[in-house]
Amino acid sequence: MLLSGKLNKIRTFALLLIFVGIGVMYIGFLFKSLMALFFILGILFVLTSVGIYFWIGILSTQAPQVTCPVCGRYTKVLGKRDQCMHCKAVLSIDPKDAPAPPNTDAKSSE
């Protein structure tokens, strides 16, 4: 569930940047002569993450909220095609781009 939907994938990447930034700052303790450089690099990773969180927050407020036909819960769709944040079903805003429904009644048509 962590990587379902474009919004959650970008949020997960931003969280990873925070952990990488803190890790880079801790590596600075191993190299005392380069501690300031590692600290600045770590701060840049964290500030980049803050920028990504800000950007994705703006995108999230503008994304249309739809009801998933599979699980019936509300989810936000970013772009023309996205996944449900809850059940990973493929959703589309454009009817021409909508995924084909799975053929569950293959035996009933015989």
PDB file of N, CA and C in Angstrom:
ATOM      1  N   MET A   1       0.806  -1.192   0.000  1.00  0.00           N
ATOM      2  CA  MET A   1       0.000   0.000   0.000  1.00  0.00           C
ATOM      3  C   MET A   1       0.856   1.267   0.000  1.00  0.00           C
ATOM      4  N   LEU A   2       2.100   1.146   0.367  1.00  0.00           N
ATOM      5  CA  LEU A   2       2.955   2.322   0.469  1.00  0.00           C
ATOM      6  C   LEU A   2       3.231   2.959  -0.881  1.00  0.00           C
ATOM      7  N   LEU A   3       3.310   2.161  -1.932  1.00  0.00           N
ATOM      8  CA  LEU A   3       3.649   2.702  -3.239  1.00  0.00           C
ATOM      9  C   LEU A   3       2.492   2.654  -4.218  1.00  0.00           C
ATOM     10  N   SER A   4       1.259   2.718  -3.762  1.00  0.00           N
ATOM     11  CA  SER A   4       0.150   2.729  -4.694  1.00  0.00           C
ATOM     12  C   SER A   4      -0.282   4.166  -4.935  1.00  0.00           C
ATOM     13  N   GLY A   5      -0.381   4.546  -6.167  1.00  0.00           N
ATOM     14  CA  GLY A   5      -0.759   5.898  -6.538  1.00  0.00           C
ATOM     15  C   GLY A   5       0.452   6.794  -6.699  1.00  0.00           C
ATOM     16  N   LYS A   6       0.339   7.704  -7.643  1.00  0.00           N
ATOM     17  CA  LYS A   6       1.467   8.603  -7.930  1.00  0.00           C
ATOM     18  C   LYS A   6       1.789   9.526  -6.760  1.00  0.00           C
ATOM     19  N   LEU A   7       0.762  10.009  -6.081  1.00  0.00           N
ATOM     20  CA  LEU A   7       1.004  10.907  -4.950  1.00  0.00           C
ATOM     21  C   LEU A   7       1.808  10.215  -3.860  1.00  0.00           C
ATOM     22  N   ASN A   8       1.452   8.984  -3.539  1.00  0.00           N
ATOM     23  CA  ASN A   8       2.164   8.262  -2.482  1.00  0.00           C
ATOM     24  C   ASN A   8       3.578   7.889  -2.914  1.00  0.00           C
ATOM     25  N   LYS A   9       3.800   7.622  -4.196  1.00  0.00           N
ATOM     26  CA  LYS A   9       5.153   7.324  -4.665  1.00  0.00           C
ATOM     27  C   LYS A   9       6.061   8.531  -4.501  1.00  0.00           C
ATOM     28  N   ILE A  10       5.547   9.714  -4.818  1.00  0.00           N
ATOM     29  CA  ILE A  10       6.360  10.932  -4.669  1.00  0.00           C
ATOM     30  C   ILE A  10       6.592  11.232  -3.191  1.00  0.00           C
ATOM     31  N   ARG A  11       5.585  11.022  -2.355  1.00  0.00           N
ATOM     32  CA  ARG A  11       5.760  11.233  -0.909  1.00  0.00           C
ATOM     33  C   ARG A  11       6.781  10.263  -0.321  1.00  0.00           C
ATOM     34  N   THR A  12       6.773   9.024  -0.802  1.00  0.00           N
ATOM     35  CA  THR A  12       7.746   8.042  -0.327  1.00  0.00           C
ATOM     36  C   THR A  12       9.160   8.437  -0.742  1.00  0.00           C
ATOM     37  N   PHE A  13       9.313   8.964  -1.955  1.00  0.00           N
ATOM     38  CA  PHE A  13      10.620   9.434  -2.408  1.00  0.00           C
ATOM     39  C   PHE A  13      11.111  10.591  -1.537  1.00  0.00           C
ATOM     40  N   ALA A  14      10.205  11.510  -1.196  1.00  0.00           N
ATOM     41  CA  ALA A  14      10.587  12.640  -0.341  1.00  0.00           C
ATOM     42  C   ALA A  14      10.994  12.159   1.055  1.00  0.00           C
ATOM     43  N   LEU A  15      10.302  11.169   1.585  1.00  0.00           N
ATOM     44  CA  LEU A  15      10.678  10.617   2.889  1.00  0.00           C
ATOM     45  C   LEU A  15      12.048   9.945   2.821  1.00  0.00           C
ATOM     46  N   LEU A  16      12.314   9.259   1.715  1.00  0.00           N
ATOM     47  CA  LEU A  16      13.622   8.641   1.518  1.00  0.00           C
ATOM     48  C   LEU A  16      14.727   9.699   1.479  1.00  0.00           C
ATOM     49  N   LEU A  17      14.449  10.841   0.861  1.00  0.00           N
ATOM     50  CA  LEU A  17      15.438  11.920   0.837  1.00  0.00           C
ATOM     51  C   LEU A  17      15.751  12.431   2.236  1.00  0.00           C
ATOM     52  N   ILE A  18      14.770  12.477   3.110  1.00  0.00           N
ATOM     53  CA  ILE A  18      15.021  12.919   4.486  1.00  0.00           C
ATOM     54  C   ILE A  18      15.970  11.942   5.179  1.00  0.00           C
ATOM     55  N   PHE A  19      15.694  10.642   5.032  1.00  0.00           N
ATOM     56  CA  PHE A  19      16.564   9.651   5.671  1.00  0.00           C
ATOM     57  C   PHE A  19      17.971   9.676   5.087  1.00  0.00           C
ATOM     58  N   VAL A  20      18.084   9.858   3.785  1.00  0.00           N
ATOM     59  CA  VAL A  20      19.411   9.947   3.156  1.00  0.00           C
ATOM     60  C   VAL A  20      20.152  11.174   3.669  1.00  0.00           C
ATOM     61  N   GLY A  21      19.445  12.295   3.797  1.00  0.00           N
ATOM     62  CA  GLY A  21      20.073  13.515   4.297  1.00  0.00           C
ATOM     63  C   GLY A  21      20.592  13.366   5.713  1.00  0.00           C
ATOM     64  N   ILE A  22      19.803  12.742   6.571  1.00  0.00           N
ATOM     65  CA  ILE A  22      20.249  12.522   7.951  1.00  0.00           C
ATOM     66  C   ILE A  22      21.425  11.549   7.966  1.00  0.00           C
ATOM     67  N   GLY A  23      21.362  10.521   7.111  1.00  0.00           N
ATOM     68  CA  GLY A  23      22.474   9.570   7.028  1.00  0.00           C
ATOM     69  C   GLY A  23      23.761  10.226   6.566  1.00  0.00           C
ATOM     70  N   VAL A  24      23.663  11.131   5.597  1.00  0.00           N
ATOM     71  CA  VAL A  24      24.847  11.847   5.119  1.00  0.00           C
ATOM     72  C   VAL A  24      25.428  12.714   6.233  1.00  0.00           C
ATOM     73  N   MET A  25      24.556  13.325   7.027  1.00  0.00           N
ATOM     74  CA  MET A  25      25.054  14.140   8.145  1.00  0.00           C
ATOM     75  C   MET A  25      25.758  13.274   9.189  1.00  0.00           C
ATOM     76  N   TYR A  26      25.248  12.070   9.434  1.00  0.00           N
ATOM     77  CA  TYR A  26      25.920  11.165  10.373  1.00  0.00           C
ATOM     78  C   TYR A  26      27.255  10.676   9.837  1.00  0.00           C
ATOM     79  N   ILE A  27      27.362  10.497   8.535  1.00  0.00           N
ATOM     80  CA  ILE A  27      28.640  10.091   7.946  1.00  0.00           C
ATOM     81  C   ILE A  27      29.709  11.156   8.198  1.00  0.00           C
ATOM     82  N   GLY A  28      29.280  12.394   8.333  1.00  0.00           N
ATOM     83  CA  GLY A  28      30.219  13.473   8.637  1.00  0.00           C
ATOM     84  C   GLY A  28      30.962  13.273   9.942  1.00  0.00           C
ATOM     85  N   PHE A  29      30.390  12.530  10.879  1.00  0.00           N
ATOM     86  CA  PHE A  29      31.090  12.256  12.134  1.00  0.00           C
ATOM     87  C   PHE A  29      32.306  11.356  11.928  1.00  0.00           C
ATOM     88  N   LEU A  30      32.273  10.558  10.863  1.00  0.00           N
ATOM     89  CA  LEU A  30      33.411   9.672  10.593  1.00  0.00           C
ATOM     90  C   LEU A  30      34.601  10.435  10.022  1.00  0.00           C
ATOM     91  N   PHE A  31      34.332  11.495   9.306  1.00  0.00           N
ATOM     92  CA  PHE A  31      35.388  12.290   8.668  1.00  0.00           C
ATOM     93  C   PHE A  31      35.338  13.702   9.244  1.00  0.00           C
ATOM     94  N   LYS A  32      36.091  13.915  10.298  1.00  0.00           N
ATOM     95  CA  LYS A  32      36.043  15.197  11.018  1.00  0.00           C
ATOM     96  C   LYS A  32      36.458  16.371  10.138  1.00  0.00           C
ATOM     97  N   SER A  33      37.378  16.139   9.198  1.00  0.00           N
ATOM     98  CA  SER A  33      37.847  17.248   8.367  1.00  0.00           C
ATOM     99  C   SER A  33      36.789  17.651   7.325  1.00  0.00           C
ATOM    100  N   LEU A  34      35.902  16.750   6.982  1.00  0.00           N
ATOM    101  CA  LEU A  34      34.863  17.036   5.980  1.00  0.00           C
ATOM    102  C   LEU A  34      33.464  17.149   6.594  1.00  0.00           C
ATOM    103  N   MET A  35      33.414  17.337   7.911  1.00  0.00           N
ATOM    104  CA  MET A  35      32.126  17.354   8.592  1.00  0.00           C
ATOM    105  C   MET A  35      31.224  18.465   8.066  1.00  0.00           C
ATOM    106  N   ALA A  36      31.752  19.636   7.811  1.00  0.00           N
ATOM    107  CA  ALA A  36      30.935  20.751   7.332  1.00  0.00           C
ATOM    108  C   ALA A  36      30.360  20.445   5.944  1.00  0.00           C
ATOM    109  N   LEU A  37      31.146  19.816   5.095  1.00  0.00           N
ATOM    110  CA  LEU A  37      30.680  19.464   3.756  1.00  0.00           C
ATOM    111  C   LEU A  37      29.535  18.449   3.832  1.00  0.00           C
ATOM    112  N   PHE A  38      29.689  17.413   4.653  1.00  0.00           N
ATOM    113  CA  PHE A  38      28.630  16.414   4.798  1.00  0.00           C
ATOM    114  C   PHE A  38      27.373  17.020   5.431  1.00  0.00           C
ATOM    115  N   PHE A  39      27.562  17.955   6.358  1.00  0.00           N
ATOM    116  CA  PHE A  39      26.420  18.613   6.975  1.00  0.00           C
ATOM    117  C   PHE A  39      25.650  19.435   5.949  1.00  0.00           C
ATOM    118  N   ILE A  40      26.367  20.168   5.110  1.00  0.00           N
ATOM    119  CA  ILE A  40      25.718  20.984   4.067  1.00  0.00           C
ATOM    120  C   ILE A  40      25.005  20.090   3.056  1.00  0.00           C
ATOM    121  N   LEU A  41      25.632  18.975   2.664  1.00  0.00           N
ATOM    122  CA  LEU A  41      24.977  18.046   1.742  1.00  0.00           C
ATOM    123  C   LEU A  41      23.716  17.444   2.357  1.00  0.00           C
ATOM    124  N   GLY A  42      23.780  17.087   3.618  1.00  0.00           N
ATOM    125  CA  GLY A  42      22.612  16.544   4.301  1.00  0.00           C
ATOM    126  C   GLY A  42      21.479  17.546   4.384  1.00  0.00           C
ATOM    127  N   ILE A  43      21.825  18.788   4.693  1.00  0.00           N
ATOM    128  CA  ILE A  43      20.815  19.844   4.748  1.00  0.00           C
ATOM    129  C   ILE A  43      20.189  20.052   3.374  1.00  0.00           C
ATOM    130  N   LEU A  44      20.988  19.964   2.299  1.00  0.00           N
ATOM    131  CA  LEU A  44      20.443  20.111   0.947  1.00  0.00           C
ATOM    132  C   LEU A  44      19.459  18.987   0.619  1.00  0.00           C
ATOM    133  N   PHE A  45      19.765  17.754   1.040  1.00  0.00           N
ATOM    134  CA  PHE A  45      18.829  16.648   0.833  1.00  0.00           C
ATOM    135  C   PHE A  45      17.516  16.907   1.572  1.00  0.00           C
ATOM    136  N   VAL A  46      17.605  17.353   2.806  1.00  0.00           N
ATOM    137  CA  VAL A  46      16.399  17.595   3.602  1.00  0.00           C
ATOM    138  C   VAL A  46      15.602  18.763   3.024  1.00  0.00           C
ATOM    139  N   LEU A  47      16.267  19.824   2.597  1.00  0.00           N
ATOM    140  CA  LEU A  47      15.552  20.956   2.008  1.00  0.00           C
ATOM    141  C   LEU A  47      14.918  20.585   0.672  1.00  0.00           C
ATOM    142  N   THR A  48      15.568  19.730  -0.101  1.00  0.00           N
ATOM    143  CA  THR A  48      14.964  19.239  -1.338  1.00  0.00           C
ATOM    144  C   THR A  48      13.699  18.454  -1.018  1.00  0.00           C
ATOM    145  N   SER A  49      13.748  17.656   0.037  1.00  0.00           N
ATOM    146  CA  SER A  49      12.575  16.903   0.459  1.00  0.00           C
ATOM    147  C   SER A  49      11.443  17.831   0.875  1.00  0.00           C
ATOM    148  N   VAL A  50      11.758  18.884   1.583  1.00  0.00           N
ATOM    149  CA  VAL A  50      10.737  19.854   1.989  1.00  0.00           C
ATOM    150  C   VAL A  50      10.100  20.484   0.746  1.00  0.00           C
ATOM    151  N   GLY A  51      10.907  20.811  -0.249  1.00  0.00           N
ATOM    152  CA  GLY A  51      10.377  21.364  -1.500  1.00  0.00           C
ATOM    153  C   GLY A  51       9.461  20.387  -2.210  1.00  0.00           C
ATOM    154  N   ILE A  52       9.835  19.108  -2.226  1.00  0.00           N
ATOM    155  CA  ILE A  52       9.000  18.090  -2.861  1.00  0.00           C
ATOM    156  C   ILE A  52       7.691  17.924  -2.103  1.00  0.00           C
ATOM    157  N   TYR A  53       7.753  17.925  -0.771  1.00  0.00           N
ATOM    158  CA  TYR A  53       6.518  17.830   0.024  1.00  0.00           C
ATOM    159  C   TYR A  53       5.599  19.030  -0.245  1.00  0.00           C
ATOM    160  N   PHE A  54       6.167  20.213  -0.367  1.00  0.00           N
ATOM    161  CA  PHE A  54       5.377  21.409  -0.666  1.00  0.00           C
ATOM    162  C   PHE A  54       4.729  21.280  -2.037  1.00  0.00           C
ATOM    163  N   TRP A  55       5.503  20.850  -3.038  1.00  0.00           N
ATOM    164  CA  TRP A  55       5.012  20.696  -4.401  1.00  0.00           C
ATOM    165  C   TRP A  55       3.904  19.643  -4.466  1.00  0.00           C
ATOM    166  N   ILE A  56       4.095  18.503  -3.807  1.00  0.00           N
ATOM    167  CA  ILE A  56       3.093  17.442  -3.854  1.00  0.00           C
ATOM    168  C   ILE A  56       1.839  17.844  -3.079  1.00  0.00           C
ATOM    169  N   GLY A  57       1.987  18.686  -2.071  1.00  0.00           N
ATOM    170  CA  GLY A  57       0.822  19.200  -1.366  1.00  0.00           C
ATOM    171  C   GLY A  57      -0.025  20.081  -2.252  1.00  0.00           C
ATOM    172  N   ILE A  58       0.617  20.908  -3.054  1.00  0.00           N
ATOM    173  CA  ILE A  58      -0.117  21.746  -4.002  1.00  0.00           C
ATOM    174  C   ILE A  58      -0.796  20.875  -5.059  1.00  0.00           C
ATOM    175  N   LEU A  59      -0.076  19.869  -5.570  1.00  0.00           N
ATOM    176  CA  LEU A  59      -0.681  18.960  -6.549  1.00  0.00           C
ATOM    177  C   LEU A  59      -1.859  18.202  -5.955  1.00  0.00           C
ATOM    178  N   SER A  60      -1.741  17.817  -4.701  1.00  0.00           N
ATOM    179  CA  SER A  60      -2.795  17.044  -4.049  1.00  0.00           C
ATOM    180  C   SER A  60      -4.073  17.854  -3.887  1.00  0.00           C
ATOM    181  N   THR A  61      -3.948  19.148  -3.660  1.00  0.00           N
ATOM    182  CA  THR A  61      -5.153  19.966  -3.510  1.00  0.00           C
ATOM    183  C   THR A  61      -5.863  20.173  -4.837  1.00  0.00           C
ATOM    184  N   GLN A  62      -5.138  20.074  -5.956  1.00  0.00           N
ATOM    185  CA  GLN A  62      -5.732  20.277  -7.270  1.00  0.00           C
ATOM    186  C   GLN A  62      -6.175  18.980  -7.932  1.00  0.00           C
ATOM    187  N   ALA A  63      -5.788  17.835  -7.401  1.00  0.00           N
ATOM    188  CA  ALA A  63      -6.125  16.549  -8.005  1.00  0.00           C
ATOM    189  C   ALA A  63      -7.600  16.232  -7.775  1.00  0.00           C
ATOM    190  N   PRO A  64      -8.282  15.735  -8.812  1.00  0.00           N
ATOM    191  CA  PRO A  64      -9.698  15.391  -8.621  1.00  0.00           C
ATOM    192  C   PRO A  64      -9.855  14.160  -7.738  1.00  0.00           C
ATOM    193  N   GLN A  65     -10.855  14.198  -6.900  1.00  0.00           N
ATOM    194  CA  GLN A  65     -11.141  13.087  -5.998  1.00  0.00           C
ATOM    195  C   GLN A  65     -12.256  12.249  -6.621  1.00  0.00           C
ATOM    196  N   VAL A  66     -11.989  10.956  -6.800  1.00  0.00           N
ATOM    197  CA  VAL A  66     -12.957  10.048  -7.421  1.00  0.00           C
ATOM    198  C   VAL A  66     -13.241   8.883  -6.479  1.00  0.00           C
ATOM    199  N   THR A  67     -14.327   8.203  -6.738  1.00  0.00           N
ATOM    200  CA  THR A  67     -14.663   6.998  -5.995  1.00  0.00           C
ATOM    201  C   THR A  67     -14.158   5.796  -6.772  1.00  0.00           C
ATOM    202  N   CYS A  68     -13.412   4.941  -6.131  1.00  0.00           N
ATOM    203  CA  CYS A  68     -12.876   3.742  -6.772  1.00  0.00           C
ATOM    204  C   CYS A  68     -14.022   2.762  -7.007  1.00  0.00           C
ATOM    205  N   PRO A  69     -14.172   2.252  -8.236  1.00  0.00           N
ATOM    206  CA  PRO A  69     -15.256   1.302  -8.489  1.00  0.00           C
ATOM    207  C   PRO A  69     -15.014  -0.074  -7.861  1.00  0.00           C
ATOM    208  N   VAL A  70     -13.774  -0.383  -7.499  1.00  0.00           N
ATOM    209  CA  VAL A  70     -13.463  -1.696  -6.940  1.00  0.00           C
ATOM    210  C   VAL A  70     -13.718  -1.727  -5.430  1.00  0.00           C
ATOM    211  N   CYS A  71     -13.116  -0.768  -4.699  1.00  0.00           N
ATOM    212  CA  CYS A  71     -13.242  -0.791  -3.242  1.00  0.00           C
ATOM    213  C   CYS A  71     -14.261   0.211  -2.707  1.00  0.00           C
ATOM    214  N   GLY A  72     -14.709   1.156  -3.533  1.00  0.00           N
ATOM    215  CA  GLY A  72     -15.723   2.113  -3.114  1.00  0.00           C
ATOM    216  C   GLY A  72     -15.224   3.246  -2.241  1.00  0.00           C
ATOM    217  N   ARG A  73     -13.910   3.396  -2.094  1.00  0.00           N
ATOM    218  CA  ARG A  73     -13.351   4.469  -1.260  1.00  0.00           C
ATOM    219  C   ARG A  73     -12.908   5.624  -2.147  1.00  0.00           C
ATOM    220  N   TYR A  74     -12.809   6.801  -1.528  1.00  0.00           N
ATOM    221  CA  TYR A  74     -12.364   7.968  -2.268  1.00  0.00           C
ATOM    222  C   TYR A  74     -10.851   7.928  -2.438  1.00  0.00           C
ATOM    223  N   THR A  75     -10.387   8.344  -3.615  1.00  0.00           N
ATOM    224  CA  THR A  75      -8.955   8.440  -3.890  1.00  0.00           C
ATOM    225  C   THR A  75      -8.733   9.600  -4.846  1.00  0.00           C
ATOM    226  N   LYS A  76      -7.525  10.115  -4.897  1.00  0.00           N
ATOM    227  CA  LYS A  76      -7.198  11.215  -5.788  1.00  0.00           C
ATOM    228  C   LYS A  76      -6.451  10.679  -6.992  1.00  0.00           C
ATOM    229  N   VAL A  77      -6.787  11.198  -8.164  1.00  0.00           N
ATOM    230  CA  VAL A  77      -6.174  10.757  -9.414  1.00  0.00           C
ATOM    231  C   VAL A  77      -5.295  11.883  -9.924  1.00  0.00           C
ATOM    232  N   LEU A  78      -4.034  11.562 -10.131  1.00  0.00           N
ATOM    233  CA  LEU A  78      -3.071  12.532 -10.633  1.00  0.00           C
ATOM    234  C   LEU A  78      -2.771  12.178 -12.083  1.00  0.00           C
ATOM    235  N   GLY A  79      -3.088  13.053 -12.995  1.00  0.00           N
ATOM    236  CA  GLY A  79      -2.884  12.783 -14.413  1.00  0.00           C
ATOM    237  C   GLY A  79      -4.091  12.068 -14.995  1.00  0.00           C
ATOM    238  N   LYS A  80      -3.904  11.462 -16.185  1.00  0.00           N
ATOM    239  CA  LYS A  80      -5.014  10.764 -16.833  1.00  0.00           C
ATOM    240  C   LYS A  80      -5.266   9.389 -16.230  1.00  0.00           C
ATOM    241  N   ARG A  81      -4.208   8.726 -15.800  1.00  0.00           N
ATOM    242  CA  ARG A  81      -4.329   7.358 -15.299  1.00  0.00           C
ATOM    243  C   ARG A  81      -3.509   7.230 -14.018  1.00  0.00           C
ATOM    244  N   ASP A  82      -4.108   6.628 -13.006  1.00  0.00           N
ATOM    245  CA  ASP A  82      -3.443   6.471 -11.719  1.00  0.00           C
ATOM    246  C   ASP A  82      -3.987   5.217 -11.043  1.00  0.00           C
ATOM    247  N   GLN A  83      -3.380   4.851  -9.910  1.00  0.00           N
ATOM    248  CA  GLN A  83      -3.844   3.706  -9.137  1.00  0.00           C
ATOM    249  C   GLN A  83      -4.632   4.197  -7.932  1.00  0.00           C
ATOM    250  N   CYS A  84      -5.567   3.370  -7.492  1.00  0.00           N
ATOM    251  CA  CYS A  84      -6.289   3.645  -6.249  1.00  0.00           C
ATOM    252  C   CYS A  84      -5.283   3.550  -5.104  1.00  0.00           C
ATOM    253  N   MET A  85      -5.349   4.481  -4.154  1.00  0.00           N
ATOM    254  CA  MET A  85      -4.417   4.479  -3.035  1.00  0.00           C
ATOM    255  C   MET A  85      -4.690   3.340  -2.060  1.00  0.00           C
ATOM    256  N   HIS A  86      -5.857   2.719  -2.156  1.00  0.00           N
ATOM    257  CA  HIS A  86      -6.254   1.701  -1.187  1.00  0.00           C
ATOM    258  C   HIS A  86      -6.138   0.282  -1.740  1.00  0.00           C
ATOM    259  N   CYS A  87      -6.623   0.061  -2.983  1.00  0.00           N
ATOM    260  CA  CYS A  87      -6.663  -1.305  -3.509  1.00  0.00           C
ATOM    261  C   CYS A  87      -5.801  -1.494  -4.758  1.00  0.00           C
ATOM    262  N   LYS A  88      -5.094  -0.458  -5.202  1.00  0.00           N
ATOM    263  CA  LYS A  88      -4.201  -0.489  -6.363  1.00  0.00           C
ATOM    264  C   LYS A  88      -4.915  -0.753  -7.687  1.00  0.00           C
ATOM    265  N   ALA A  89      -6.213  -0.537  -7.760  1.00  0.00           N
ATOM    266  CA  ALA A  89      -6.937  -0.682  -9.021  1.00  0.00           C
ATOM    267  C   ALA A  89      -6.557   0.482  -9.936  1.00  0.00           C
ATOM    268  N   VAL A  90      -6.444   0.223 -11.221  1.00  0.00           N
ATOM    269  CA  VAL A  90      -6.083   1.261 -12.182  1.00  0.00           C
ATOM    270  C   VAL A  90      -7.322   2.099 -12.471  1.00  0.00           C
ATOM    271  N   LEU A  91      -7.186   3.417 -12.303  1.00  0.00           N
ATOM    272  CA  LEU A  91      -8.279   4.356 -12.516  1.00  0.00           C
ATOM    273  C   LEU A  91      -7.909   5.313 -13.634  1.00  0.00           C
ATOM    274  N   SER A  92      -8.912   5.859 -14.306  1.00  0.00           N
ATOM    275  CA  SER A  92      -8.684   6.812 -15.378  1.00  0.00           C
ATOM    276  C   SER A  92      -9.783   7.856 -15.358  1.00  0.00           C
ATOM    277  N   ILE A  93      -9.410   9.096 -15.654  1.00  0.00           N
ATOM    278  CA  ILE A  93     -10.379  10.181 -15.760  1.00  0.00           C
ATOM    279  C   ILE A  93     -11.007  10.165 -17.155  1.00  0.00           C
ATOM    280  N   ASP A  94     -10.190   9.929 -18.180  1.00  0.00           N
ATOM    281  CA  ASP A  94     -10.636   9.933 -19.567  1.00  0.00           C
ATOM    282  C   ASP A  94     -11.262   8.576 -19.912  1.00  0.00           C
ATOM    283  N   PRO A  95     -12.509   8.538 -20.372  1.00  0.00           N
ATOM    284  CA  PRO A  95     -13.133   7.243 -20.698  1.00  0.00           C
ATOM    285  C   PRO A  95     -12.403   6.488 -21.815  1.00  0.00           C
ATOM    286  N   LYS A  96     -11.754   7.203 -22.741  1.00  0.00           N
ATOM    287  CA  LYS A  96     -11.013   6.529 -23.815  1.00  0.00           C
ATOM    288  C   LYS A  96      -9.760   5.836 -23.286  1.00  0.00           C
ATOM    289  N   ASP A  97      -9.224   6.334 -22.190  1.00  0.00           N
ATOM    290  CA  ASP A  97      -7.992   5.791 -21.618  1.00  0.00           C
ATOM    291  C   ASP A  97      -8.268   4.799 -20.489  1.00  0.00           C
ATOM    292  N   ALA A  98      -9.525   4.536 -20.208  1.00  0.00           N
ATOM    293  CA  ALA A  98      -9.883   3.646 -19.102  1.00  0.00           C
ATOM    294  C   ALA A  98      -9.411   2.227 -19.379  1.00  0.00           C
ATOM    295  N   PRO A  99      -8.927   1.539 -18.340  1.00  0.00           N
ATOM    296  CA  PRO A  99      -8.495   0.153 -18.538  1.00  0.00           C
ATOM    297  C   PRO A  99      -9.688  -0.751 -18.837  1.00  0.00           C
ATOM    298  N   ALA A 100      -9.420  -1.811 -19.581  1.00  0.00           N
ATOM    299  CA  ALA A 100     -10.487  -2.764 -19.907  1.00  0.00           C
ATOM    300  C   ALA A 100     -10.890  -3.506 -18.641  1.00  0.00           C
ATOM    301  N   PRO A 101     -12.192  -3.704 -18.424  1.00  0.00           N
ATOM    302  CA  PRO A 101     -12.609  -4.442 -17.226  1.00  0.00           C
ATOM    303  C   PRO A 101     -12.204  -5.908 -17.356  1.00  0.00           C
ATOM    304  N   PRO A 102     -11.831  -6.526 -16.245  1.00  0.00           N
ATOM    305  CA  PRO A 102     -11.438  -7.934 -16.310  1.00  0.00           C
ATOM    306  C   PRO A 102     -12.627  -8.801 -16.679  1.00  0.00           C
ATOM    307  N   ASN A 103     -12.389  -9.809 -17.495  1.00  0.00           N
ATOM    308  CA  ASN A 103     -13.449 -10.703 -17.949  1.00  0.00           C
ATOM    309  C   ASN A 103     -13.626 -11.805 -16.926  1.00  0.00           C
ATOM    310  N   THR A 104     -14.544 -11.611 -16.001  1.00  0.00           N
ATOM    311  CA  THR A 104     -14.763 -12.589 -14.929  1.00  0.00           C
ATOM    312  C   THR A 104     -15.812 -13.614 -15.301  1.00  0.00           C
ATOM    313  N   ASP A 105     -16.629 -13.344 -16.322  1.00  0.00           N
ATOM    314  CA  ASP A 105     -17.705 -14.242 -16.718  1.00  0.00           C
ATOM    315  C   ASP A 105     -17.349 -15.023 -17.977  1.00  0.00           C
ATOM    316  N   ALA A 106     -16.149 -15.548 -18.054  1.00  0.00           N
ATOM    317  CA  ALA A 106     -15.701 -16.261 -19.240  1.00  0.00           C
ATOM    318  C   ALA A 106     -16.473 -17.570 -19.408  1.00  0.00           C
ATOM    319  N   LYS A 107     -16.802 -18.239 -18.322  1.00  0.00           N
ATOM    320  CA  LYS A 107     -17.516 -19.518 -18.411  1.00  0.00           C
ATOM    321  C   LYS A 107     -19.011 -19.317 -18.601  1.00  0.00           C
ATOM    322  N   SER A 108     -19.561 -18.174 -18.148  1.00  0.00           N
ATOM    323  CA  SER A 108     -21.000 -17.984 -18.227  1.00  0.00           C
ATOM    324  C   SER A 108     -21.466 -17.690 -19.646  1.00  0.00           C
ATOM    325  N   SER A 109     -20.569 -17.275 -20.546  1.00  0.00           N
ATOM    326  CA  SER A 109     -20.973 -16.961 -21.913  1.00  0.00           C
ATOM    327  C   SER A 109     -20.989 -18.199 -22.797  1.00  0.00           C
ATOM    328  N   GLU A 110     -20.583 -19.358 -22.314  1.00  0.00           N
ATOM    329  CA  GLU A 110     -20.550 -20.575 -23.125  1.00  0.00           C
ATOM    330  C   GLU A 110     -21.903 -21.200 -23.271  1.00  0.00           C
TER     331      GLU A 110
END
